[in-house]
Amino acid sequence: MREADLYAPLKAYLEAQGYEVKAEIGDCDIMARRGDEPAIIVEMKLTFSLQLVMQGVVRQGLFDHVYLAVPVSKGWKLRYRDIIALCRRLSLGLLAVGPKGVEAHLDPAPYAPRLKAKPAARLLREFDRRVGDPNEGGITGVKKMTAYRQDALRCALHLQAGPCKASEVAKAAGVSRAAQQMRHDHYGWFERVERGIYQLTPKGQAALLEHAEMAEVLAK
């Protein structure tokens, strides 16, 4: 497929809605007008890319109603939600050219975001609870030192001396949810000896060695 192959179906789609359509007006791939209504600009590319987005943003310096147009591809479904979210945030429209013709997936409109309060609150709690800055930004494939893991280390440090009641661990380690954390045992560090009493597993002992630096910081 050539980029030019997108033009005919896009032109037919717009003309069916009463627009007069012309190609290559200045740097604009497509310009369409209907009576006294504001002009519509369509920028075409064979894939949804940063270059296409940047072209759309540049056209927004001239006109309010700008669409990006791409053919439907195999990777379309995998990226669809992200593409829609990006276009909506930038107030860009989105047209998809497929075997059945052109579909409008999004019209240009001012972006009025609604912040996600609960996820944001979780991130702020994580920031406040985490001790120090133990992770290196941009690194993948390694265990993150989260506030939850730090709490687990605090519990493990107290259990080094032997089995202990969860309530005593909570008080001594300063981890209010120690009982729940040891009961759920996401890391395999804790083992219930009897009701309400826990001890460290060999995996828990190994974790204290693996995270010895952080454990030393948390023990202070």
N, C-alpha and C. Protein backbone atom coordinates (compact mmCIF):
# COMPACT_ATOMS: atom_id res chain seq x y z
N MET A 1 0.84 -1.20 0.00
CA MET A 1 0.00 0.00 0.00
C MET A 1 0.87 1.25 0.00
N ARG A 2 0.43 2.23 -0.78
CA ARG A 2 1.09 3.54 -0.77
C ARG A 2 0.22 4.51 0.05
N GLU A 3 0.86 5.56 0.54
CA GLU A 3 0.11 6.58 1.27
C GLU A 3 -1.00 7.17 0.39
N ALA A 4 -0.69 7.29 -0.91
CA ALA A 4 -1.67 7.84 -1.85
C ALA A 4 -2.92 6.98 -1.96
N ASP A 5 -2.79 5.68 -1.62
CA ASP A 5 -3.94 4.77 -1.70
C ASP A 5 -5.02 5.11 -0.67
N LEU A 6 -4.64 5.87 0.34
CA LEU A 6 -5.60 6.26 1.37
C LEU A 6 -6.50 7.41 0.91
N TYR A 7 -6.01 8.14 -0.08
CA TYR A 7 -6.71 9.37 -0.46
C TYR A 7 -8.11 9.12 -1.00
N ALA A 8 -8.25 8.20 -1.94
CA ALA A 8 -9.56 7.98 -2.58
C ALA A 8 -10.65 7.61 -1.57
N PRO A 9 -10.42 6.62 -0.68
CA PRO A 9 -11.48 6.31 0.30
C PRO A 9 -11.77 7.45 1.27
N LEU A 10 -10.75 8.20 1.65
CA LEU A 10 -10.96 9.34 2.55
C LEU A 10 -11.76 10.44 1.85
N LYS A 11 -11.43 10.70 0.58
CA LYS A 11 -12.16 11.71 -0.18
C LYS A 11 -13.62 11.31 -0.33
N ALA A 12 -13.86 10.04 -0.66
CA ALA A 12 -15.23 9.54 -0.82
C ALA A 12 -16.01 9.65 0.48
N TYR A 13 -15.34 9.33 1.59
CA TYR A 13 -15.97 9.40 2.91
C TYR A 13 -16.41 10.83 3.23
N LEU A 14 -15.55 11.79 2.97
CA LEU A 14 -15.85 13.19 3.28
C LEU A 14 -16.88 13.77 2.31
N GLU A 15 -16.77 13.40 1.05
CA GLU A 15 -17.74 13.88 0.07
C GLU A 15 -19.14 13.36 0.37
N ALA A 16 -19.23 12.16 0.89
CA ALA A 16 -20.53 11.59 1.25
C ALA A 16 -21.20 12.39 2.36
N GLN A 17 -20.41 13.17 3.09
CA GLN A 17 -20.96 14.01 4.16
C GLN A 17 -21.13 15.47 3.71
N GLY A 18 -20.99 15.68 2.41
CA GLY A 18 -21.25 17.01 1.87
C GLY A 18 -20.06 17.93 1.80
N TYR A 19 -18.86 17.42 2.00
CA TYR A 19 -17.66 18.26 1.96
C TYR A 19 -17.12 18.35 0.54
N GLU A 20 -16.54 19.48 0.21
CA GLU A 20 -15.71 19.60 -0.98
C GLU A 20 -14.29 19.29 -0.54
N VAL A 21 -13.64 18.38 -1.26
CA VAL A 21 -12.35 17.86 -0.80
C VAL A 21 -11.27 18.14 -1.84
N LYS A 22 -10.11 18.61 -1.36
CA LYS A 22 -8.97 18.83 -2.24
C LYS A 22 -7.69 18.38 -1.54
N ALA A 23 -6.79 17.83 -2.35
CA ALA A 23 -5.53 17.30 -1.80
C ALA A 23 -4.39 18.28 -1.98
N GLU A 24 -3.39 18.12 -1.08
CA GLU A 24 -2.13 18.88 -1.18
C GLU A 24 -2.36 20.39 -1.28
N ILE A 25 -3.10 20.92 -0.32
CA ILE A 25 -3.25 22.37 -0.20
C ILE A 25 -2.15 22.85 0.74
N GLY A 26 -1.12 23.47 0.17
CA GLY A 26 0.06 23.79 0.98
C GLY A 26 0.69 22.51 1.47
N ASP A 27 0.97 22.44 2.78
CA ASP A 27 1.56 21.23 3.36
C ASP A 27 0.50 20.25 3.87
N CYS A 28 -0.77 20.59 3.71
CA CYS A 28 -1.84 19.74 4.21
C CYS A 28 -2.14 18.62 3.21
N ASP A 29 -2.20 17.39 3.71
CA ASP A 29 -2.52 16.26 2.82
C ASP A 29 -3.90 16.42 2.21
N ILE A 30 -4.88 16.71 3.07
CA ILE A 30 -6.27 16.86 2.61
C ILE A 30 -6.91 18.04 3.33
N MET A 31 -7.62 18.87 2.57
CA MET A 31 -8.45 19.92 3.15
C MET A 31 -9.88 19.70 2.66
N ALA A 32 -10.83 19.82 3.57
CA ALA A 32 -12.23 19.64 3.20
C ALA A 32 -13.05 20.79 3.77
N ARG A 33 -14.02 21.29 2.98
CA ARG A 33 -14.87 22.40 3.42
C ARG A 33 -16.33 22.09 3.08
N ARG A 34 -17.21 22.53 3.99
CA ARG A 34 -18.65 22.35 3.78
C ARG A 34 -19.34 23.65 4.13
N GLY A 35 -19.71 24.39 3.08
CA GLY A 35 -20.37 25.67 3.30
C GLY A 35 -19.49 26.62 4.08
N ASP A 36 -20.09 27.26 5.09
CA ASP A 36 -19.36 28.22 5.91
C ASP A 36 -18.73 27.58 7.15
N GLU A 37 -18.80 26.27 7.25
CA GLU A 37 -18.23 25.59 8.42
C GLU A 37 -16.71 25.68 8.41
N PRO A 38 -16.08 25.53 9.59
CA PRO A 38 -14.61 25.54 9.63
C PRO A 38 -14.03 24.42 8.77
N ALA A 39 -12.87 24.67 8.19
CA ALA A 39 -12.21 23.67 7.35
C ALA A 39 -11.76 22.47 8.18
N ILE A 40 -11.71 21.32 7.54
CA ILE A 40 -11.20 20.10 8.15
C ILE A 40 -9.89 19.73 7.47
N ILE A 41 -8.90 19.37 8.26
CA ILE A 41 -7.61 18.94 7.73
C ILE A 41 -7.41 17.47 8.07
N VAL A 42 -6.92 16.70 7.11
CA VAL A 42 -6.61 15.29 7.35
C VAL A 42 -5.15 15.04 6.96
N GLU A 43 -4.38 14.48 7.89
CA GLU A 43 -3.00 14.09 7.61
C GLU A 43 -2.92 12.57 7.55
N MET A 44 -2.29 12.06 6.51
CA MET A 44 -2.26 10.61 6.25
C MET A 44 -0.87 10.03 6.47
N LYS A 45 -0.84 8.81 6.99
CA LYS A 45 0.40 8.02 7.05
C LYS A 45 0.01 6.55 7.02
N LEU A 46 0.96 5.70 6.60
CA LEU A 46 0.69 4.27 6.54
C LEU A 46 0.73 3.60 7.90
N THR A 47 1.34 4.25 8.88
CA THR A 47 1.34 3.74 10.26
C THR A 47 1.13 4.92 11.20
N PHE A 48 0.61 4.61 12.38
CA PHE A 48 0.45 5.65 13.40
C PHE A 48 1.82 5.86 14.03
N SER A 49 2.37 7.06 13.85
CA SER A 49 3.74 7.32 14.28
C SER A 49 3.86 8.70 14.90
N LEU A 50 5.01 8.93 15.52
CA LEU A 50 5.28 10.25 16.11
C LEU A 50 5.28 11.32 15.02
N GLN A 51 5.80 10.97 13.84
CA GLN A 51 5.83 11.92 12.74
C GLN A 51 4.42 12.37 12.36
N LEU A 52 3.48 11.41 12.32
CA LEU A 52 2.10 11.74 12.00
C LEU A 52 1.49 12.64 13.07
N VAL A 53 1.73 12.30 14.33
CA VAL A 53 1.20 13.11 15.43
C VAL A 53 1.75 14.53 15.36
N MET A 54 3.03 14.65 15.09
CA MET A 54 3.65 15.98 15.02
C MET A 54 3.07 16.79 13.85
N GLN A 55 2.80 16.12 12.73
CA GLN A 55 2.17 16.81 11.61
C GLN A 55 0.80 17.35 12.03
N GLY A 56 0.04 16.51 12.74
CA GLY A 56 -1.28 16.93 13.20
C GLY A 56 -1.20 18.13 14.13
N VAL A 57 -0.24 18.10 15.04
CA VAL A 57 -0.07 19.20 16.00
C VAL A 57 0.30 20.50 15.26
N VAL A 58 1.16 20.39 14.26
CA VAL A 58 1.53 21.57 13.47
C VAL A 58 0.29 22.15 12.78
N ARG A 59 -0.56 21.29 12.22
CA ARG A 59 -1.77 21.77 11.53
C ARG A 59 -2.74 22.43 12.51
N GLN A 60 -2.68 22.02 13.77
CA GLN A 60 -3.55 22.64 14.78
C GLN A 60 -3.19 24.10 15.02
N GLY A 61 -2.01 24.49 14.59
CA GLY A 61 -1.63 25.90 14.66
C GLY A 61 -2.37 26.75 13.63
N LEU A 62 -3.04 26.07 12.70
CA LEU A 62 -3.77 26.77 11.64
C LEU A 62 -5.28 26.55 11.70
N PHE A 63 -5.67 25.32 12.07
CA PHE A 63 -7.08 24.95 12.07
C PHE A 63 -7.43 24.15 13.32
N ASP A 64 -8.68 24.28 13.75
CA ASP A 64 -9.13 23.58 14.96
C ASP A 64 -9.45 22.11 14.72
N HIS A 65 -9.92 21.78 13.51
CA HIS A 65 -10.42 20.44 13.24
C HIS A 65 -9.41 19.66 12.39
N VAL A 66 -8.58 18.89 13.08
CA VAL A 66 -7.52 18.14 12.41
C VAL A 66 -7.68 16.65 12.72
N TYR A 67 -7.66 15.85 11.65
CA TYR A 67 -7.75 14.39 11.78
C TYR A 67 -6.44 13.75 11.36
N LEU A 68 -6.11 12.64 12.01
CA LEU A 68 -5.03 11.76 11.55
C LEU A 68 -5.70 10.56 10.90
N ALA A 69 -5.14 10.09 9.79
CA ALA A 69 -5.74 8.95 9.09
C ALA A 69 -4.68 7.89 8.82
N VAL A 70 -4.99 6.65 9.21
CA VAL A 70 -4.08 5.52 8.99
C VAL A 70 -4.89 4.30 8.55
N PRO A 71 -4.24 3.36 7.86
CA PRO A 71 -4.95 2.12 7.54
C PRO A 71 -5.02 1.21 8.76
N VAL A 72 -6.05 0.41 8.85
CA VAL A 72 -6.15 -0.58 9.93
C VAL A 72 -5.10 -1.65 9.66
N SER A 73 -4.25 -1.94 10.65
CA SER A 73 -3.18 -2.93 10.48
C SER A 73 -3.32 -4.03 11.52
N LYS A 74 -2.42 -5.03 11.45
CA LYS A 74 -2.46 -6.16 12.39
C LYS A 74 -2.26 -5.69 13.83
N GLY A 75 -1.39 -4.69 14.00
CA GLY A 75 -1.11 -4.22 15.36
C GLY A 75 -2.10 -3.19 15.88
N TRP A 76 -3.12 -2.90 15.09
CA TRP A 76 -4.10 -1.86 15.44
C TRP A 76 -4.76 -2.14 16.80
N LYS A 77 -5.26 -3.38 16.98
CA LYS A 77 -5.99 -3.70 18.20
C LYS A 77 -5.10 -3.60 19.44
N LEU A 78 -3.84 -3.98 19.29
CA LEU A 78 -2.92 -3.96 20.43
C LEU A 78 -2.64 -2.53 20.90
N ARG A 79 -2.63 -1.57 19.94
CA ARG A 79 -2.27 -0.20 20.27
C ARG A 79 -3.48 0.73 20.34
N TYR A 80 -4.65 0.19 20.06
CA TYR A 80 -5.83 1.03 19.87
C TYR A 80 -6.11 1.96 21.05
N ARG A 81 -6.14 1.42 22.24
CA ARG A 81 -6.49 2.24 23.41
C ARG A 81 -5.48 3.36 23.64
N ASP A 82 -4.20 3.05 23.44
CA ASP A 82 -3.16 4.07 23.62
C ASP A 82 -3.27 5.14 22.55
N ILE A 83 -3.55 4.72 21.31
CA ILE A 83 -3.69 5.68 20.21
C ILE A 83 -4.85 6.63 20.46
N ILE A 84 -5.99 6.06 20.87
CA ILE A 84 -7.18 6.88 21.15
C ILE A 84 -6.89 7.84 22.31
N ALA A 85 -6.24 7.35 23.35
CA ALA A 85 -5.93 8.20 24.52
C ALA A 85 -5.03 9.36 24.12
N LEU A 86 -4.03 9.09 23.28
CA LEU A 86 -3.11 10.14 22.85
C LEU A 86 -3.83 11.17 21.99
N CYS A 87 -4.61 10.70 21.02
CA CYS A 87 -5.33 11.63 20.14
C CYS A 87 -6.32 12.48 20.94
N ARG A 88 -7.01 11.86 21.89
CA ARG A 88 -7.98 12.60 22.69
C ARG A 88 -7.28 13.69 23.50
N ARG A 89 -6.14 13.34 24.08
CA ARG A 89 -5.40 14.32 24.89
C ARG A 89 -4.93 15.50 24.03
N LEU A 90 -4.59 15.22 22.77
CA LEU A 90 -4.10 16.27 21.88
C LEU A 90 -5.20 16.93 21.07
N SER A 91 -6.44 16.53 21.33
CA SER A 91 -7.60 17.08 20.61
C SER A 91 -7.54 16.83 19.11
N LEU A 92 -6.95 15.68 18.73
CA LEU A 92 -6.87 15.29 17.33
C LEU A 92 -7.94 14.25 17.02
N GLY A 93 -8.51 14.30 15.81
CA GLY A 93 -9.44 13.27 15.38
C GLY A 93 -8.68 12.08 14.82
N LEU A 94 -9.36 10.95 14.67
CA LEU A 94 -8.72 9.75 14.15
C LEU A 94 -9.64 9.04 13.17
N LEU A 95 -9.14 8.83 11.96
CA LEU A 95 -9.86 8.09 10.93
C LEU A 95 -9.07 6.83 10.59
N ALA A 96 -9.78 5.71 10.44
CA ALA A 96 -9.14 4.45 10.10
C ALA A 96 -9.66 3.96 8.75
N VAL A 97 -8.73 3.67 7.86
CA VAL A 97 -9.11 3.19 6.53
C VAL A 97 -8.95 1.68 6.50
N GLY A 98 -10.06 0.99 6.31
CA GLY A 98 -10.04 -0.47 6.29
C GLY A 98 -10.69 -1.03 5.05
N PRO A 99 -10.79 -2.36 4.97
CA PRO A 99 -11.39 -3.01 3.79
C PRO A 99 -12.83 -2.57 3.55
N LYS A 100 -13.53 -2.20 4.62
CA LYS A 100 -14.94 -1.81 4.48
C LYS A 100 -15.13 -0.31 4.32
N GLY A 101 -14.02 0.41 4.19
CA GLY A 101 -14.11 1.85 4.02
C GLY A 101 -13.47 2.60 5.17
N VAL A 102 -13.94 3.82 5.43
CA VAL A 102 -13.36 4.69 6.44
C VAL A 102 -14.27 4.73 7.67
N GLU A 103 -13.64 4.61 8.84
CA GLU A 103 -14.38 4.74 10.11
C GLU A 103 -13.80 5.88 10.91
N ALA A 104 -14.68 6.71 11.47
CA ALA A 104 -14.23 7.78 12.38
C ALA A 104 -14.21 7.22 13.79
N HIS A 105 -13.03 7.11 14.36
CA HIS A 105 -12.90 6.57 15.71
C HIS A 105 -12.88 7.67 16.77
N LEU A 106 -12.58 8.89 16.34
CA LEU A 106 -12.53 9.99 17.29
C LEU A 106 -12.62 11.31 16.52
N ASP A 107 -13.44 12.22 17.03
CA ASP A 107 -13.55 13.55 16.43
C ASP A 107 -12.71 14.54 17.25
N PRO A 108 -12.15 15.56 16.61
CA PRO A 108 -11.38 16.56 17.37
C PRO A 108 -12.28 17.26 18.38
N ALA A 109 -11.79 17.38 19.60
CA ALA A 109 -12.56 18.06 20.65
C ALA A 109 -11.60 18.50 21.74
N PRO A 110 -11.91 19.60 22.42
CA PRO A 110 -11.05 20.03 23.55
C PRO A 110 -10.95 18.92 24.58
N TYR A 111 -9.75 18.72 25.10
CA TYR A 111 -9.52 17.66 26.08
C TYR A 111 -9.83 18.16 27.48
N ALA A 112 -10.75 17.47 28.16
CA ALA A 112 -11.11 17.84 29.53
C ALA A 112 -10.86 16.62 30.43
N PRO A 113 -9.64 16.46 30.90
CA PRO A 113 -9.29 15.24 31.64
C PRO A 113 -9.94 15.17 33.02
N ARG A 114 -10.25 13.95 33.42
CA ARG A 114 -10.70 13.69 34.79
C ARG A 114 -9.60 12.87 35.46
N LEU A 115 -8.95 13.47 36.43
CA LEU A 115 -7.84 12.78 37.08
C LEU A 115 -8.35 11.56 37.86
N LYS A 116 -7.54 10.49 37.83
CA LYS A 116 -7.89 9.26 38.54
C LYS A 116 -7.38 9.38 39.97
N ALA A 117 -8.28 9.76 40.86
CA ALA A 117 -7.89 10.11 42.24
C ALA A 117 -7.33 8.92 43.01
N LYS A 118 -7.98 7.75 42.89
CA LYS A 118 -7.55 6.60 43.70
C LYS A 118 -6.16 6.10 43.31
N PRO A 119 -5.89 5.87 41.99
CA PRO A 119 -4.53 5.46 41.63
C PRO A 119 -3.48 6.50 42.01
N ALA A 120 -3.84 7.78 41.87
CA ALA A 120 -2.90 8.84 42.23
C ALA A 120 -2.60 8.81 43.73
N ALA A 121 -3.63 8.56 44.53
CA ALA A 121 -3.45 8.49 45.98
C ALA A 121 -2.55 7.32 46.36
N ARG A 122 -2.70 6.19 45.63
CA ARG A 122 -1.85 5.03 45.91
C ARG A 122 -0.38 5.35 45.63
N LEU A 123 -0.14 6.07 44.55
CA LEU A 123 1.24 6.43 44.21
C LEU A 123 1.83 7.40 45.24
N LEU A 124 1.02 8.32 45.71
CA LEU A 124 1.49 9.27 46.72
C LEU A 124 1.79 8.55 48.04
N ARG A 125 0.94 7.57 48.40
CA ARG A 125 1.19 6.79 49.62
C ARG A 125 2.49 6.00 49.49
N GLU A 126 2.70 5.42 48.30
CA GLU A 126 3.93 4.66 48.07
C GLU A 126 5.15 5.58 48.21
N PHE A 127 5.05 6.78 47.66
CA PHE A 127 6.16 7.74 47.75
C PHE A 127 6.45 8.07 49.22
N ASP A 128 5.41 8.35 49.98
CA ASP A 128 5.59 8.76 51.37
C ASP A 128 6.10 7.63 52.25
N ARG A 129 5.67 6.40 51.97
CA ARG A 129 6.03 5.27 52.83
C ARG A 129 7.40 4.68 52.50
N ARG A 130 7.82 4.82 51.24
CA ARG A 130 9.08 4.19 50.85
C ARG A 130 10.26 4.90 51.52
N VAL A 131 11.16 4.13 52.07
CA VAL A 131 12.34 4.67 52.74
C VAL A 131 13.45 4.86 51.73
N GLY A 132 13.94 6.09 51.61
CA GLY A 132 15.02 6.37 50.68
C GLY A 132 14.60 6.24 49.23
N ASP A 133 15.58 6.08 48.35
CA ASP A 133 15.36 5.93 46.91
C ASP A 133 16.16 4.71 46.44
N PRO A 134 15.68 3.49 46.78
CA PRO A 134 16.48 2.28 46.58
C PRO A 134 16.50 1.74 45.15
N ASN A 135 15.68 2.29 44.26
CA ASN A 135 15.62 1.76 42.89
C ASN A 135 16.30 2.71 41.91
N GLU A 136 16.84 2.14 40.83
CA GLU A 136 17.46 2.95 39.79
C GLU A 136 16.46 3.12 38.65
N GLY A 137 16.12 4.36 38.32
CA GLY A 137 15.12 4.63 37.28
C GLY A 137 15.54 4.07 35.93
N GLY A 138 14.58 3.46 35.22
CA GLY A 138 14.83 2.96 33.88
C GLY A 138 15.30 1.52 33.83
N ILE A 139 15.62 0.92 34.97
CA ILE A 139 16.10 -0.46 34.99
C ILE A 139 14.91 -1.41 34.97
N THR A 140 14.98 -2.43 34.11
CA THR A 140 13.91 -3.44 34.03
C THR A 140 14.48 -4.82 34.35
N GLY A 141 13.58 -5.74 34.66
CA GLY A 141 13.99 -7.11 34.92
C GLY A 141 14.60 -7.34 36.29
N VAL A 142 14.45 -6.39 37.20
CA VAL A 142 14.95 -6.56 38.58
C VAL A 142 13.80 -6.30 39.55
N LYS A 143 13.92 -6.86 40.74
CA LYS A 143 12.89 -6.67 41.76
C LYS A 143 12.91 -5.23 42.25
N LYS A 144 11.74 -4.61 42.29
CA LYS A 144 11.66 -3.25 42.82
C LYS A 144 11.58 -3.30 44.33
N MET A 145 12.28 -2.37 44.97
CA MET A 145 12.19 -2.24 46.41
C MET A 145 11.04 -1.29 46.73
N THR A 146 9.86 -1.85 46.95
CA THR A 146 8.67 -1.07 47.25
C THR A 146 8.52 -0.90 48.75
N ALA A 147 7.59 -0.04 49.14
CA ALA A 147 7.30 0.14 50.57
C ALA A 147 6.79 -1.17 51.16
N TYR A 148 6.03 -1.94 50.37
CA TYR A 148 5.51 -3.23 50.83
C TYR A 148 6.67 -4.19 51.12
N ARG A 149 7.65 -4.22 50.23
CA ARG A 149 8.80 -5.11 50.44
C ARG A 149 9.62 -4.64 51.64
N GLN A 150 9.72 -3.32 51.80
CA GLN A 150 10.43 -2.80 52.97
C GLN A 150 9.73 -3.21 54.27
N ASP A 151 8.40 -3.19 54.28
CA ASP A 151 7.66 -3.65 55.46
C ASP A 151 7.91 -5.13 55.71
N ALA A 152 7.95 -5.91 54.63
CA ALA A 152 8.22 -7.35 54.77
C ALA A 152 9.61 -7.57 55.36
N LEU A 153 10.58 -6.74 54.94
CA LEU A 153 11.93 -6.85 55.49
C LEU A 153 11.95 -6.50 56.97
N ARG A 154 11.17 -5.49 57.36
CA ARG A 154 11.09 -5.11 58.78
C ARG A 154 10.58 -6.30 59.60
N CYS A 155 9.54 -6.96 59.09
CA CYS A 155 8.99 -8.13 59.78
C CYS A 155 10.02 -9.25 59.84
N ALA A 156 10.72 -9.47 58.73
CA ALA A 156 11.72 -10.53 58.67
C ALA A 156 12.85 -10.27 59.66
N LEU A 157 13.26 -9.03 59.77
CA LEU A 157 14.33 -8.67 60.72
C LEU A 157 13.94 -9.04 62.14
N HIS A 158 12.69 -8.78 62.51
CA HIS A 158 12.25 -9.10 63.87
C HIS A 158 12.15 -10.61 64.09
N LEU A 159 11.81 -11.34 63.04
CA LEU A 159 11.64 -12.79 63.17
C LEU A 159 12.97 -13.55 63.15
N GLN A 160 14.07 -12.84 62.92
CA GLN A 160 15.38 -13.51 62.95
C GLN A 160 15.64 -14.19 64.28
N ALA A 161 15.09 -13.60 65.34
CA ALA A 161 15.32 -14.14 66.68
C ALA A 161 14.52 -15.40 66.94
N GLY A 162 13.55 -15.70 66.08
CA GLY A 162 12.72 -16.89 66.27
C GLY A 162 11.25 -16.58 66.09
N PRO A 163 10.39 -17.60 66.19
CA PRO A 163 8.94 -17.41 66.02
C PRO A 163 8.40 -16.34 66.96
N CYS A 164 7.37 -15.64 66.49
CA CYS A 164 6.85 -14.53 67.27
C CYS A 164 5.39 -14.27 66.90
N LYS A 165 4.62 -13.72 67.85
CA LYS A 165 3.24 -13.36 67.57
C LYS A 165 3.20 -12.20 66.57
N ALA A 166 2.22 -12.27 65.69
CA ALA A 166 2.08 -11.23 64.67
C ALA A 166 1.88 -9.86 65.31
N SER A 167 1.15 -9.81 66.41
CA SER A 167 0.89 -8.53 67.07
C SER A 167 2.18 -7.93 67.62
N GLU A 168 3.08 -8.79 68.12
CA GLU A 168 4.36 -8.30 68.63
C GLU A 168 5.26 -7.83 67.49
N VAL A 169 5.21 -8.55 66.36
CA VAL A 169 5.98 -8.14 65.18
C VAL A 169 5.52 -6.77 64.70
N ALA A 170 4.20 -6.59 64.65
CA ALA A 170 3.63 -5.32 64.20
C ALA A 170 4.12 -4.17 65.07
N LYS A 171 4.12 -4.37 66.37
CA LYS A 171 4.52 -3.32 67.31
C LYS A 171 6.02 -3.05 67.23
N ALA A 172 6.82 -4.12 67.25
CA ALA A 172 8.27 -3.96 67.27
C ALA A 172 8.82 -3.46 65.93
N ALA A 173 8.24 -3.94 64.83
CA ALA A 173 8.74 -3.56 63.50
C ALA A 173 8.12 -2.27 62.99
N GLY A 174 7.04 -1.83 63.65
CA GLY A 174 6.37 -0.62 63.19
C GLY A 174 5.59 -0.83 61.90
N VAL A 175 5.08 -2.06 61.73
CA VAL A 175 4.31 -2.41 60.53
C VAL A 175 2.89 -2.75 60.97
N SER A 176 1.96 -1.82 60.80
CA SER A 176 0.61 -2.01 61.32
C SER A 176 -0.11 -3.21 60.69
N ARG A 177 0.21 -3.54 59.43
CA ARG A 177 -0.45 -4.65 58.75
C ARG A 177 0.43 -5.89 58.70
N ALA A 178 1.26 -6.06 59.71
CA ALA A 178 2.19 -7.18 59.72
C ALA A 178 1.47 -8.53 59.66
N ALA A 179 0.39 -8.67 60.43
CA ALA A 179 -0.34 -9.95 60.46
C ALA A 179 -0.86 -10.31 59.07
N GLN A 180 -1.47 -9.33 58.42
CA GLN A 180 -2.01 -9.56 57.08
C GLN A 180 -0.90 -9.86 56.09
N GLN A 181 0.20 -9.13 56.21
CA GLN A 181 1.32 -9.31 55.28
C GLN A 181 1.94 -10.70 55.42
N MET A 182 2.11 -11.14 56.66
CA MET A 182 2.70 -12.46 56.87
C MET A 182 1.73 -13.57 56.50
N ARG A 183 0.45 -13.32 56.71
CA ARG A 183 -0.57 -14.33 56.35
C ARG A 183 -0.64 -14.50 54.84
N HIS A 184 -0.64 -13.40 54.11
CA HIS A 184 -0.69 -13.48 52.63
C HIS A 184 0.63 -14.00 52.05
N ASP A 185 1.75 -13.64 52.67
CA ASP A 185 3.07 -14.17 52.34
C ASP A 185 3.35 -14.18 50.83
N HIS A 186 3.31 -13.01 50.20
CA HIS A 186 3.52 -12.91 48.75
C HIS A 186 4.92 -13.35 48.32
N TYR A 187 5.91 -13.21 49.20
CA TYR A 187 7.29 -13.50 48.83
C TYR A 187 7.76 -14.89 49.28
N GLY A 188 6.96 -15.56 50.08
CA GLY A 188 7.37 -16.87 50.59
C GLY A 188 8.38 -16.78 51.72
N TRP A 189 8.36 -15.65 52.42
CA TRP A 189 9.33 -15.42 53.50
C TRP A 189 8.83 -15.90 54.87
N PHE A 190 7.53 -16.05 55.02
CA PHE A 190 6.96 -16.31 56.35
C PHE A 190 6.20 -17.64 56.39
N GLU A 191 6.22 -18.24 57.56
CA GLU A 191 5.53 -19.52 57.75
C GLU A 191 4.78 -19.48 59.09
N ARG A 192 3.52 -19.90 59.06
CA ARG A 192 2.75 -19.88 60.30
C ARG A 192 3.08 -21.13 61.11
N VAL A 193 3.52 -20.92 62.35
CA VAL A 193 3.85 -22.03 63.25
C VAL A 193 2.58 -22.52 63.93
N GLU A 194 1.81 -21.60 64.43
CA GLU A 194 0.48 -21.86 64.98
C GLU A 194 -0.32 -20.58 64.85
N ARG A 195 -1.55 -20.61 65.30
CA ARG A 195 -2.42 -19.46 65.07
C ARG A 195 -1.79 -18.17 65.61
N GLY A 196 -1.61 -17.20 64.71
CA GLY A 196 -1.10 -15.89 65.10
C GLY A 196 0.39 -15.83 65.32
N ILE A 197 1.09 -16.94 65.13
CA ILE A 197 2.54 -16.97 65.36
C ILE A 197 3.25 -17.38 64.06
N TYR A 198 4.29 -16.61 63.73
CA TYR A 198 5.00 -16.83 62.47
C TYR A 198 6.50 -16.95 62.69
N GLN A 199 7.15 -17.62 61.71
CA GLN A 199 8.61 -17.69 61.72
C GLN A 199 9.12 -17.46 60.30
N LEU A 200 10.42 -17.23 60.20
CA LEU A 200 11.04 -17.01 58.90
C LEU A 200 11.26 -18.33 58.18
N THR A 201 11.08 -18.35 56.86
CA THR A 201 11.41 -19.51 56.04
C THR A 201 12.85 -19.36 55.55
N PRO A 202 13.44 -20.42 55.01
CA PRO A 202 14.79 -20.26 54.42
C PRO A 202 14.82 -19.18 53.35
N LYS A 203 13.73 -19.04 52.61
CA LYS A 203 13.66 -17.99 51.59
C LYS A 203 13.70 -16.61 52.24
N GLY A 204 13.07 -16.49 53.42
CA GLY A 204 13.09 -15.22 54.14
C GLY A 204 14.48 -14.89 54.65
N GLN A 205 15.19 -15.92 55.14
CA GLN A 205 16.57 -15.72 55.59
C GLN A 205 17.44 -15.27 54.43
N ALA A 206 17.23 -15.89 53.26
CA ALA A 206 18.01 -15.53 52.07
C ALA A 206 17.71 -14.10 51.64
N ALA A 207 16.45 -13.68 51.80
CA ALA A 207 16.06 -12.32 51.41
C ALA A 207 16.78 -11.28 52.26
N LEU A 208 16.97 -11.58 53.54
CA LEU A 208 17.69 -10.64 54.41
C LEU A 208 19.14 -10.48 53.96
N LEU A 209 19.73 -11.56 53.45
CA LEU A 209 21.09 -11.48 52.94
C LEU A 209 21.11 -10.73 51.60
N GLU A 210 20.13 -11.03 50.76
CA GLU A 210 20.06 -10.39 49.45
C GLU A 210 19.87 -8.88 49.58
N HIS A 211 19.07 -8.49 50.55
CA HIS A 211 18.77 -7.06 50.73
C HIS A 211 19.43 -6.53 52.01
N ALA A 212 20.64 -6.99 52.26
CA ALA A 212 21.33 -6.65 53.51
C ALA A 212 21.49 -5.14 53.70
N GLU A 213 21.79 -4.43 52.62
CA GLU A 213 21.97 -2.97 52.71
C GLU A 213 20.70 -2.28 53.17
N MET A 214 19.60 -2.64 52.52
CA MET A 214 18.31 -2.04 52.88
C MET A 214 17.89 -2.46 54.28
N ALA A 215 18.14 -3.73 54.62
CA ALA A 215 17.78 -4.22 55.94
C ALA A 215 18.50 -3.43 57.03
N GLU A 216 19.76 -3.09 56.75
CA GLU A 216 20.55 -2.29 57.71
C GLU A 216 19.95 -0.91 57.89
N VAL A 217 19.50 -0.30 56.78
CA VAL A 217 18.86 1.02 56.84
C VAL A 217 17.57 0.95 57.64
N LEU A 218 16.77 -0.09 57.40
CA LEU A 218 15.47 -0.23 58.05
C LEU A 218 15.62 -0.56 59.54
N ALA A 219 16.72 -1.19 59.91
CA ALA A 219 16.92 -1.59 61.31
C ALA A 219 17.26 -0.41 62.21
N LYS A 220 17.65 0.72 61.61
CA LYS A 220 18.06 1.90 62.40
C LYS A 220 16.86 2.57 63.05
